[in-house]
Structure formats: C-alpha cells, structure tokens
Amino acid sequence: MLYGRLSAQKGERDMKFDKLIKNHLASYKLNTLKIIPDGVWWKNKKTYTHILPKGKYIENIINKGFQADLIKLINTKDFHLGFHHLNSSQALALNLFGPLVCTKKLSILGELLEIQISDTFISEFEYIENPNENTNFDFFIKGNNFNIYFEVKYTETEFGKAKDDEDHREKYNNIYKDNLEQIVNISQKQFFNEYQLWRNILYSEKGYIVFVVPKFRTDLVNIVEIAKKQVKNNNNVKILTIDDVVNKCKEYDVYKDHYIEFENKYLRFV
C-alpha cells in the first residue's frame, strides 16, 4: 500500500516518489537494519543515506527465514555494482520471487498472470538468452513450450534509451530490425528512445514478457500499455504489480513474515 499522494505532473511526481522512497529506505537502513554508515554510489563516489556500505550488501536480502537460501539463487559474481543500493531492482527481484523459487511454488505467479505455470518449471535470476544480443532479464521461467521473461522496475524514471550512433545502428540493422518488423511497426528513432522497452518486448515472440512494477508507478504502466497496443501478439505482453504478488503471498503462512517485511521495506513510505 502506498501512503501519500504523488503529483500528477510527471516531473514533480518523479522527484517526489524518488525522494520519498530514498528517504524511507534511509530510515529503514538506520532503524530496521541498524546500519549507521552510508554507502558509496560507484558512479560518482559520493555517499548516500539509502545505500548500504559495500561490505553489508547481503543485508539487502530480507532476513525473515529465506535469506540463506536466497543468497544461493544468484552467483555473487552476477550481483550488480549497485546491489548494495536499497532501491536496487536486482535485490528487489530476488526478494520478490526468491521465496517462491526456494519453495517450488512458481504456480502462484501463474495464478496472478493467468498462465499455466508448473511448480516444476526451471527458473533463473539474471538471465541472458542470447549473449550476442545481451538483453538481461531480472527473472526467467522456462516452461515446456514457452518461456516467461521478467523485467523489474522500482525507482527508475523510465525505460533506458540508446544513443543513435554507429554501434547502435549496426546492432539495430543486424539483430533487431527484421525481428522487430514481425511484431510491431515502429521507427528506428522510437526504438532507440525506448530501447530497453522494445528489446524486452521482442522476446514476446518466444513467450511472455512480464513488466513488474509497483502499483503506484502508473507512469511506467502507461508506457507499457501504449507499447502493448502497437504489438501484434499483445497477449504475450503482461504487467504484474509488485503489490499483487505481495498480497497473494501474504495469504500463505510460510511466506507471511517475509512479505510483510518486503512491504515494509519497499511499499510503505510517507
């Protein structure tokens, strides 16, 4: 549940939720995790109150019965440089989906997505299907006849753009263009302006692409909905709110403590 109203103006809203969330996470670091020192952002070498000290990165994994098992789900070499940021989407994805992987209950996600997902399906965090193309998915489920690709967003203000330079134009012509034309009619300029979005949607030809966002991120939901209307096989493009996953999992005693803490960490701010 989100406390506090977010501005209707995009620029003001982006600044407001970003500040609200980071202030809340700074308080969470201090009062819940009992960690006083601030961590460093690798890009500018400055310290921020919502970032954990590098040596405390494991504390970004919720410790309510699953922490030891969740740590094993991602090879430490695959942790992002910003994993110690409390607003890390990678850490959020691990905290959100990890308990279901550990207990082999992926079918819960199937109920929410209205997809037949078996508890025996294989899953993976930080999944790259094609090293030459190199799109990285936060979470992945391999079914018998289809795949499910998950892209998680939390505080990011937009889907990543690409420069319209020689390297990206070459990649567009050699890798993306033909496949893109099969599923949607958009210009090269639009593709670069919403680069991460369309790179992900391209995988809807191989299965389902699921954009995972907090319910309050109506700005990102709207971007996906607009893109979805342009896609020929748009039934394979889905939106899953983090709130719905949390509320569903809180119905099970085995997950309740974890997802209450998840909610306290990521969704309850003023």
C-alpha atoms as a PDB file:
ATOM      1  CA  MET A   1       0.000   0.000   0.000  1.00  0.00           C
ATOM      2  CA  LEU A   2       1.245   3.460  -0.875  1.00  0.00           C
ATOM      3  CA  TYR A   3       0.870   6.232   1.652  1.00  0.00           C
ATOM      4  CA  GLY A   4       0.870   9.796   0.381  1.00  0.00           C
ATOM      5  CA  ARG A   5      -0.303  11.255  -2.894  1.00  0.00           C
ATOM      6  CA  LEU A   6       2.073  11.544  -5.801  1.00  0.00           C
ATOM      7  CA  SER A   7       1.944  14.600  -8.045  1.00  0.00           C
ATOM      8  CA  ALA A   8       0.037  14.385 -11.300  1.00  0.00           C
ATOM      9  CA  GLN A   9       2.796  16.232 -13.085  1.00  0.00           C
ATOM     10  CA  LYS A  10       5.394  13.727 -14.292  1.00  0.00           C
ATOM     11  CA  GLY A  11       8.497  15.737 -13.427  1.00  0.00           C
ATOM     12  CA  GLU A  12       7.209  16.616  -9.969  1.00  0.00           C
ATOM     13  CA  ARG A  13       5.934  13.082  -9.435  1.00  0.00           C
ATOM     14  CA  ASP A  14       9.262  11.517 -10.395  1.00  0.00           C
ATOM     15  CA  MET A  15      11.117  13.805  -7.993  1.00  0.00           C
ATOM     16  CA  LYS A  16       8.579  13.203  -5.246  1.00  0.00           C
ATOM     17  CA  PHE A  17       8.446   9.416  -5.294  1.00  0.00           C
ATOM     18  CA  ASP A  18      12.208   9.215  -5.739  1.00  0.00           C
ATOM     19  CA  LYS A  19      12.776  11.397  -2.682  1.00  0.00           C
ATOM     20  CA  LEU A  20      10.041   9.676  -0.654  1.00  0.00           C
ATOM     21  CA  ILE A  21      11.368   6.208  -1.354  1.00  0.00           C
ATOM     22  CA  LYS A  22      15.027   7.027  -0.773  1.00  0.00           C
ATOM     23  CA  ASN A  23      14.221   8.830   2.485  1.00  0.00           C
ATOM     24  CA  HIS A  24      12.188   5.823   3.591  1.00  0.00           C
ATOM     25  CA  LEU A  25      14.969   3.397   2.654  1.00  0.00           C
ATOM     26  CA  ALA A  26      17.483   5.544   4.542  1.00  0.00           C
ATOM     27  CA  SER A  27      15.257   5.262   7.605  1.00  0.00           C
ATOM     28  CA  TYR A  28      14.899   1.516   7.002  1.00  0.00           C
ATOM     29  CA  LYS A  29      18.698   1.153   6.889  1.00  0.00           C
ATOM     30  CA  LEU A  30      19.101   3.003  10.159  1.00  0.00           C
ATOM     31  CA  ASN A  31      16.117   1.807  12.195  1.00  0.00           C
ATOM     32  CA  THR A  32      15.420  -1.704  10.861  1.00  0.00           C
ATOM     33  CA  LEU A  33      18.817  -2.901   9.679  1.00  0.00           C
ATOM     34  CA  LYS A  34      20.626  -0.904  12.398  1.00  0.00           C
ATOM     35  CA  ILE A  35      23.306   0.157   9.930  1.00  0.00           C
ATOM     36  CA  ILE A  36      24.639   3.659  10.510  1.00  0.00           C
ATOM     37  CA  PRO A  37      27.411   4.192   7.905  1.00  0.00           C
ATOM     38  CA  ASP A  38      26.284   5.255   4.436  1.00  0.00           C
ATOM     39  CA  GLY A  39      27.366   3.559   1.248  1.00  0.00           C
ATOM     40  CA  VAL A  40      29.011   4.878  -1.893  1.00  0.00           C
ATOM     41  CA  TRP A  41      27.474   5.163  -5.342  1.00  0.00           C
ATOM     42  CA  TRP A  42      30.025   3.699  -7.717  1.00  0.00           C
ATOM     43  CA  LYS A  43      29.266   6.241 -10.459  1.00  0.00           C
ATOM     44  CA  ASN A  44      30.222   9.416  -8.613  1.00  0.00           C
ATOM     45  CA  LYS A  45      31.948   8.048  -5.478  1.00  0.00           C
ATOM     46  CA  LYS A  46      29.588  10.033  -3.231  1.00  0.00           C
ATOM     47  CA  THR A  47      27.864   8.608  -0.147  1.00  0.00           C
ATOM     48  CA  TYR A  48      24.072   8.392   0.134  1.00  0.00           C
ATOM     49  CA  THR A  49      21.874   7.536   3.087  1.00  0.00           C
ATOM     50  CA  HIS A  50      19.838   4.898   1.174  1.00  0.00           C
ATOM     51  CA  ILE A  51      22.959   2.940   0.151  1.00  0.00           C
ATOM     52  CA  LEU A  52      24.497   0.213   2.291  1.00  0.00           C
ATOM     53  CA  PRO A  53      28.233   0.045   2.900  1.00  0.00           C
ATOM     54  CA  LYS A  54      29.664  -2.280   0.253  1.00  0.00           C
ATOM     55  CA  GLY A  55      30.527  -4.954   2.811  1.00  0.00           C
ATOM     56  CA  LYS A  56      26.916  -5.042   4.032  1.00  0.00           C
ATOM     57  CA  TYR A  57      25.326  -5.818   0.649  1.00  0.00           C
ATOM     58  CA  ILE A  58      23.841  -9.106   1.934  1.00  0.00           C
ATOM     59  CA  GLU A  59      21.609  -7.067   4.246  1.00  0.00           C
ATOM     60  CA  ASN A  60      19.707  -6.003   1.137  1.00  0.00           C
ATOM     61  CA  ILE A  61      18.272  -9.520   1.121  1.00  0.00           C
ATOM     62  CA  ILE A  62      15.353  -9.736   3.544  1.00  0.00           C
ATOM     63  CA  ASN A  63      16.186 -11.860   6.580  1.00  0.00           C
ATOM     64  CA  LYS A  64      12.859 -13.421   7.516  1.00  0.00           C
ATOM     65  CA  GLY A  65      13.547 -17.110   7.117  1.00  0.00           C
ATOM     66  CA  PHE A  66      14.728 -17.221   3.499  1.00  0.00           C
ATOM     67  CA  GLN A  67      17.908 -15.146   3.430  1.00  0.00           C
ATOM     68  CA  ALA A  68      20.403 -18.037   3.365  1.00  0.00           C
ATOM     69  CA  ASP A  69      18.534 -19.755   0.532  1.00  0.00           C
ATOM     70  CA  LEU A  70      18.041 -16.537  -1.428  1.00  0.00           C
ATOM     71  CA  ILE A  71      21.770 -15.818  -1.391  1.00  0.00           C
ATOM     72  CA  LYS A  72      22.335 -19.125  -3.192  1.00  0.00           C
ATOM     73  CA  LEU A  73      19.979 -18.218  -6.041  1.00  0.00           C
ATOM     74  CA  ILE A  74      22.384 -15.744  -7.656  1.00  0.00           C
ATOM     75  CA  ASN A  75      26.078 -16.282  -8.110  1.00  0.00           C
ATOM     76  CA  THR A  76      27.804 -13.435  -6.278  1.00  0.00           C
ATOM     77  CA  LYS A  77      29.735 -12.597  -9.475  1.00  0.00           C
ATOM     78  CA  ASP A  78      26.398 -11.669 -11.065  1.00  0.00           C
ATOM     79  CA  PHE A  79      25.478  -9.113  -8.408  1.00  0.00           C
ATOM     80  CA  HIS A  80      25.215  -5.662  -9.957  1.00  0.00           C
ATOM     81  CA  LEU A  81      27.582  -2.904  -8.892  1.00  0.00           C
ATOM     82  CA  GLY A  82      24.583  -1.252  -7.276  1.00  0.00           C
ATOM     83  CA  PHE A  83      23.283  -4.310  -5.417  1.00  0.00           C
ATOM     84  CA  HIS A  84      24.090  -2.573  -2.121  1.00  0.00           C
ATOM     85  CA  HIS A  85      21.670   0.230  -3.010  1.00  0.00           C
ATOM     86  CA  LEU A  86      18.475  -0.407  -1.060  1.00  0.00           C
ATOM     87  CA  ASN A  87      16.433   0.551  -4.140  1.00  0.00           C
ATOM     88  CA  SER A  88      18.263  -1.971  -6.349  1.00  0.00           C
ATOM     89  CA  SER A  89      15.835  -3.658  -8.754  1.00  0.00           C
ATOM     90  CA  GLN A  90      18.025  -6.753  -8.722  1.00  0.00           C
ATOM     91  CA  ALA A  91      17.735  -7.091  -4.951  1.00  0.00           C
ATOM     92  CA  LEU A  92      14.013  -6.354  -5.144  1.00  0.00           C
ATOM     93  CA  ALA A  93      13.510  -9.109  -7.737  1.00  0.00           C
ATOM     94  CA  LEU A  94      15.391 -11.585  -5.563  1.00  0.00           C
ATOM     95  CA  ASN A  95      13.320 -10.641  -2.520  1.00  0.00           C
ATOM     96  CA  LEU A  96      10.088 -10.757  -4.524  1.00  0.00           C
ATOM     97  CA  PHE A  97      10.440 -14.022  -6.431  1.00  0.00           C
ATOM     98  CA  GLY A  98      13.122 -15.850  -4.435  1.00  0.00           C
ATOM     99  CA  PRO A  99      10.902 -17.429  -1.756  1.00  0.00           C
ATOM    100  CA  LEU A 100       8.666 -18.928  -4.459  1.00  0.00           C
ATOM    101  CA  VAL A 101      11.718 -20.425  -6.157  1.00  0.00           C
ATOM    102  CA  CYS A 102      13.085 -21.832  -2.890  1.00  0.00           C
ATOM    103  CA  THR A 103       9.771 -23.487  -2.013  1.00  0.00           C
ATOM    104  CA  LYS A 104       8.972 -24.560  -5.593  1.00  0.00           C
ATOM    105  CA  LYS A 105       5.706 -22.623  -5.751  1.00  0.00           C
ATOM    106  CA  LEU A 106       6.016 -20.809  -9.075  1.00  0.00           C
ATOM    107  CA  SER A 107       2.380 -21.716  -9.737  1.00  0.00           C
ATOM    108  CA  ILE A 108       1.432 -18.756  -7.516  1.00  0.00           C
ATOM    109  CA  LEU A 109       2.787 -16.479 -10.235  1.00  0.00           C
ATOM    110  CA  GLY A 110       0.792 -18.462 -12.768  1.00  0.00           C
ATOM    111  CA  GLU A 111      -2.412 -17.661 -10.884  1.00  0.00           C
ATOM    112  CA  LEU A 112      -1.640 -13.951 -10.961  1.00  0.00           C
ATOM    113  CA  LEU A 113      -0.605 -13.926 -14.626  1.00  0.00           C
ATOM    114  CA  GLU A 114      -3.296 -16.381 -15.783  1.00  0.00           C
ATOM    115  CA  ILE A 115      -0.591 -18.580 -17.289  1.00  0.00           C
ATOM    116  CA  GLN A 116      -0.241 -22.310 -16.659  1.00  0.00           C
ATOM    117  CA  ILE A 117       2.994 -22.355 -14.667  1.00  0.00           C
ATOM    118  CA  SER A 118       4.053 -25.630 -13.101  1.00  0.00           C
ATOM    119  CA  ASP A 119       5.971 -25.739  -9.832  1.00  0.00           C
ATOM    120  CA  THR A 120       8.471 -27.992 -11.624  1.00  0.00           C
ATOM    121  CA  PHE A 121       9.454 -25.341 -14.184  1.00  0.00           C
ATOM    122  CA  ILE A 122      13.071 -24.189 -14.128  1.00  0.00           C
ATOM    123  CA  SER A 123      13.760 -20.582 -13.165  1.00  0.00           C
ATOM    124  CA  GLU A 124      16.789 -18.308 -13.151  1.00  0.00           C
ATOM    125  CA  PHE A 125      17.753 -14.835 -11.999  1.00  0.00           C
ATOM    126  CA  GLU A 126      19.901 -12.550 -14.179  1.00  0.00           C
ATOM    127  CA  TYR A 127      19.065 -14.451 -17.349  1.00  0.00           C
ATOM    128  CA  ILE A 128      20.668 -13.734 -20.725  1.00  0.00           C
ATOM    129  CA  GLU A 129      19.337 -15.877 -23.549  1.00  0.00           C
ATOM    130  CA  ASN A 130      21.433 -14.518 -26.392  1.00  0.00           C
ATOM    131  CA  PRO A 131      24.946 -13.308 -25.416  1.00  0.00           C
ATOM    132  CA  ASN A 132      25.326 -11.595 -28.803  1.00  0.00           C
ATOM    133  CA  GLU A 133      22.158  -9.558 -28.263  1.00  0.00           C
ATOM    134  CA  ASN A 134      22.756  -9.390 -24.487  1.00  0.00           C
ATOM    135  CA  THR A 135      19.351  -8.448 -23.091  1.00  0.00           C
ATOM    136  CA  ASN A 136      19.418  -9.217 -19.365  1.00  0.00           C
ATOM    137  CA  PHE A 137      16.211 -10.234 -17.605  1.00  0.00           C
ATOM    138  CA  ASP A 138      15.812  -9.917 -13.840  1.00  0.00           C
ATOM    139  CA  PHE A 139      13.990 -13.248 -13.648  1.00  0.00           C
ATOM    140  CA  PHE A 140      13.149 -16.043 -16.062  1.00  0.00           C
ATOM    141  CA  ILE A 141      10.929 -19.137 -16.070  1.00  0.00           C
ATOM    142  CA  LYS A 142      11.394 -21.877 -18.657  1.00  0.00           C
ATOM    143  CA  GLY A 143       8.192 -23.773 -19.426  1.00  0.00           C
ATOM    144  CA  ASN A 144       7.685 -26.851 -21.549  1.00  0.00           C
ATOM    145  CA  ASN A 145       6.597 -24.970 -24.674  1.00  0.00           C
ATOM    146  CA  PHE A 146       7.092 -21.328 -23.747  1.00  0.00           C
ATOM    147  CA  ASN A 147       9.324 -19.013 -21.731  1.00  0.00           C
ATOM    148  CA  ILE A 148       8.465 -16.173 -19.358  1.00  0.00           C
ATOM    149  CA  TYR A 149      10.795 -13.176 -19.140  1.00  0.00           C
ATOM    150  CA  PHE A 150      10.502 -10.717 -16.239  1.00  0.00           C
ATOM    151  CA  GLU A 151      11.710  -7.108 -16.236  1.00  0.00           C
ATOM    152  CA  VAL A 152      11.504  -5.394 -12.821  1.00  0.00           C
ATOM    153  CA  LYS A 153      11.303  -1.631 -12.298  1.00  0.00           C
ATOM    154  CA  TYR A 154      11.163   0.229  -8.987  1.00  0.00           C
ATOM    155  CA  THR A 155      12.545   3.783  -8.797  1.00  0.00           C
ATOM    156  CA  GLU A 156      13.846   4.046 -12.370  1.00  0.00           C
ATOM    157  CA  THR A 157      12.259   7.060 -14.014  1.00  0.00           C
ATOM    158  CA  GLU A 158      11.991   5.496 -17.477  1.00  0.00           C
ATOM    159  CA  PHE A 159      12.957   2.608 -19.715  1.00  0.00           C
ATOM    160  CA  GLY A 160      16.515   3.016 -20.881  1.00  0.00           C
ATOM    161  CA  LYS A 161      17.334   4.849 -24.098  1.00  0.00           C
ATOM    162  CA  ALA A 162      20.085   4.149 -26.625  1.00  0.00           C
ATOM    163  CA  LYS A 163      22.291   6.595 -28.492  1.00  0.00           C
ATOM    164  CA  ASP A 164      21.599   6.897 -32.192  1.00  0.00           C
ATOM    165  CA  ASP A 165      25.232   6.190 -33.023  1.00  0.00           C
ATOM    166  CA  GLU A 166      27.061   3.901 -35.423  1.00  0.00           C
ATOM    167  CA  ASP A 167      27.331   0.978 -32.996  1.00  0.00           C
ATOM    168  CA  HIS A 168      23.623   1.007 -32.110  1.00  0.00           C
ATOM    169  CA  ARG A 169      22.548   1.472 -35.741  1.00  0.00           C
ATOM    170  CA  GLU A 170      24.677  -1.517 -36.735  1.00  0.00           C
ATOM    171  CA  LYS A 171      23.167  -3.614 -33.963  1.00  0.00           C
ATOM    172  CA  TYR A 172      19.687  -2.458 -34.958  1.00  0.00           C
ATOM    173  CA  ASN A 173      20.183  -3.487 -38.597  1.00  0.00           C
ATOM    174  CA  ASN A 174      21.955  -6.787 -37.867  1.00  0.00           C
ATOM    175  CA  ILE A 175      19.982  -8.040 -34.864  1.00  0.00           C
ATOM    176  CA  TYR A 176      16.738  -6.180 -34.212  1.00  0.00           C
ATOM    177  CA  LYS A 177      15.227  -4.793 -37.391  1.00  0.00           C
ATOM    178  CA  ASP A 178      13.891  -7.967 -39.043  1.00  0.00           C
ATOM    179  CA  ASN A 179      12.505  -9.398 -35.804  1.00  0.00           C
ATOM    180  CA  LEU A 180      11.032  -6.062 -34.822  1.00  0.00           C
ATOM    181  CA  GLU A 181       9.134  -5.734 -38.085  1.00  0.00           C
ATOM    182  CA  GLN A 182       7.465  -9.067 -37.391  1.00  0.00           C
ATOM    183  CA  ILE A 183       5.786  -7.845 -34.225  1.00  0.00           C
ATOM    184  CA  VAL A 184       5.403  -4.071 -34.410  1.00  0.00           C
ATOM    185  CA  ASN A 185       5.586  -1.118 -36.790  1.00  0.00           C
ATOM    186  CA  ILE A 186       7.788   1.493 -35.129  1.00  0.00           C
ATOM    187  CA  SER A 187      10.584   3.699 -36.372  1.00  0.00           C
ATOM    188  CA  GLN A 188      14.257   3.279 -35.566  1.00  0.00           C
ATOM    189  CA  LYS A 189      14.058   6.556 -33.638  1.00  0.00           C
ATOM    190  CA  GLN A 190      11.249   5.264 -31.417  1.00  0.00           C
ATOM    191  CA  PHE A 191      13.158   2.042 -30.868  1.00  0.00           C
ATOM    192  CA  PHE A 192      16.197   3.949 -29.617  1.00  0.00           C
ATOM    193  CA  ASN A 193      14.066   6.299 -27.479  1.00  0.00           C
ATOM    194  CA  GLU A 194      12.528   3.305 -25.679  1.00  0.00           C
ATOM    195  CA  TYR A 195      15.398   0.915 -26.226  1.00  0.00           C
ATOM    196  CA  GLN A 196      15.064  -1.279 -23.160  1.00  0.00           C
ATOM    197  CA  LEU A 197      11.300  -1.487 -23.508  1.00  0.00           C
ATOM    198  CA  TRP A 198      11.357  -2.728 -27.109  1.00  0.00           C
ATOM    199  CA  ARG A 199      14.337  -5.035 -26.610  1.00  0.00           C
ATOM    200  CA  ASN A 200      12.271  -6.760 -23.941  1.00  0.00           C
ATOM    201  CA  ILE A 201       9.069  -6.822 -25.990  1.00  0.00           C
ATOM    202  CA  LEU A 202      10.926  -8.524 -28.839  1.00  0.00           C
ATOM    203  CA  TYR A 203      11.039 -11.630 -26.634  1.00  0.00           C
ATOM    204  CA  SER A 204       7.231 -11.822 -26.672  1.00  0.00           C
ATOM    205  CA  GLU A 205       7.662 -13.850 -29.857  1.00  0.00           C
ATOM    206  CA  LYS A 206       9.277 -16.579 -27.749  1.00  0.00           C
ATOM    207  CA  GLY A 207       6.844 -16.489 -24.848  1.00  0.00           C
ATOM    208  CA  TYR A 208       5.614 -13.948 -22.353  1.00  0.00           C
ATOM    209  CA  ILE A 209       7.357 -10.733 -21.367  1.00  0.00           C
ATOM    210  CA  VAL A 210       6.208  -9.512 -17.955  1.00  0.00           C
ATOM    211  CA  PHE A 211       6.895  -5.989 -16.743  1.00  0.00           C
ATOM    212  CA  VAL A 212       6.933  -5.973 -12.939  1.00  0.00           C
ATOM    213  CA  VAL A 213       6.291  -2.605 -11.292  1.00  0.00           C
ATOM    214  CA  PRO A 214       4.816  -1.188  -8.069  1.00  0.00           C
ATOM    215  CA  LYS A 215       1.163  -0.277  -8.420  1.00  0.00           C
ATOM    216  CA  PHE A 216       1.933   3.390  -7.783  1.00  0.00           C
ATOM    217  CA  ARG A 217       4.163   3.553 -10.901  1.00  0.00           C
ATOM    218  CA  THR A 218       1.291   4.449 -13.187  1.00  0.00           C
ATOM    219  CA  ASP A 219       3.760   6.308 -15.418  1.00  0.00           C
ATOM    220  CA  LEU A 220       5.581   3.083 -16.328  1.00  0.00           C
ATOM    221  CA  VAL A 221       2.331   1.140 -16.582  1.00  0.00           C
ATOM    222  CA  ASN A 222       1.045   3.674 -19.113  1.00  0.00           C
ATOM    223  CA  ILE A 223       4.224   3.403 -21.196  1.00  0.00           C
ATOM    224  CA  VAL A 224       3.859  -0.383 -21.363  1.00  0.00           C
ATOM    225  CA  GLU A 225       0.136  -0.183 -22.128  1.00  0.00           C
ATOM    226  CA  ILE A 226       0.749   2.229 -25.020  1.00  0.00           C
ATOM    227  CA  ALA A 227       3.500  -0.019 -26.408  1.00  0.00           C
ATOM    228  CA  LYS A 228       1.353  -3.110 -25.953  1.00  0.00           C
ATOM    229  CA  LYS A 229      -1.387  -1.681 -28.190  1.00  0.00           C
ATOM    230  CA  GLN A 230       1.151  -1.469 -31.015  1.00  0.00           C
ATOM    231  CA  VAL A 231       2.238  -5.112 -30.745  1.00  0.00           C
ATOM    232  CA  LYS A 232       0.549  -7.664 -32.991  1.00  0.00           C
ATOM    233  CA  ASN A 233       0.604 -10.535 -30.482  1.00  0.00           C
ATOM    234  CA  ASN A 234      -0.004  -8.314 -27.475  1.00  0.00           C
ATOM    235  CA  ASN A 235      -1.469 -11.090 -25.307  1.00  0.00           C
ATOM    236  CA  ASN A 236       2.129 -12.090 -24.611  1.00  0.00           C
ATOM    237  CA  VAL A 237       2.969  -8.707 -23.091  1.00  0.00           C
ATOM    238  CA  LYS A 238       1.849  -8.517 -19.465  1.00  0.00           C
ATOM    239  CA  ILE A 239       2.054  -6.224 -16.454  1.00  0.00           C
ATOM    240  CA  LEU A 240       2.387  -7.658 -12.958  1.00  0.00           C
ATOM    241  CA  THR A 241       2.260  -5.340  -9.975  1.00  0.00           C
ATOM    242  CA  ILE A 242       4.583  -5.965  -7.085  1.00  0.00           C
ATOM    243  CA  ASP A 243       1.690  -5.232  -4.739  1.00  0.00           C
ATOM    244  CA  ASP A 244      -0.376  -8.105  -6.158  1.00  0.00           C
ATOM    245  CA  VAL A 245       2.478 -10.579  -5.673  1.00  0.00           C
ATOM    246  CA  VAL A 246       2.993  -9.416  -2.086  1.00  0.00           C
ATOM    247  CA  ASN A 247      -0.705  -9.537  -1.199  1.00  0.00           C
ATOM    248  CA  LYS A 248      -1.081 -13.006  -2.694  1.00  0.00           C
ATOM    249  CA  CYS A 249       1.964 -14.412  -0.913  1.00  0.00           C
ATOM    250  CA  LYS A 250       0.912 -12.959   2.448  1.00  0.00           C
ATOM    251  CA  GLU A 251      -2.041 -15.380   2.326  1.00  0.00           C
ATOM    252  CA  TYR A 252       0.397 -18.267   2.967  1.00  0.00           C
ATOM    253  CA  ASP A 253       1.820 -18.719   6.455  1.00  0.00           C
ATOM    254  CA  VAL A 254       5.189 -19.875   5.151  1.00  0.00           C
ATOM    255  CA  TYR A 255       5.705 -16.561   3.328  1.00  0.00           C
ATOM    256  CA  LYS A 256       3.817 -14.152   5.552  1.00  0.00           C
ATOM    257  CA  ASP A 257       6.695 -12.775   7.640  1.00  0.00           C
ATOM    258  CA  HIS A 258       8.897 -12.335   4.578  1.00  0.00           C
ATOM    259  CA  TYR A 259       6.335 -10.459   2.523  1.00  0.00           C
ATOM    260  CA  ILE A 260       5.192  -8.273   5.405  1.00  0.00           C
ATOM    261  CA  GLU A 261       8.826  -7.216   5.722  1.00  0.00           C
ATOM    262  CA  PHE A 262       9.034  -6.792   1.939  1.00  0.00           C
ATOM    263  CA  GLU A 263       6.027  -4.486   2.110  1.00  0.00           C
ATOM    264  CA  ASN A 264       7.558  -2.527   4.978  1.00  0.00           C
ATOM    265  CA  LYS A 265      10.779  -2.138   3.056  1.00  0.00           C
ATOM    266  CA  TYR A 266       9.599  -1.328  -0.442  1.00  0.00           C
ATOM    267  CA  LEU A 267       5.980  -0.189  -0.388  1.00  0.00           C
ATOM    268  CA  ARG A 268       5.212   1.583   2.892  1.00  0.00           C
ATOM    269  CA  PHE A 269       6.535   5.093   2.769  1.00  0.00           C
ATOM    270  CA  VAL A 270       5.111   8.523   3.527  1.00  0.00           C
END
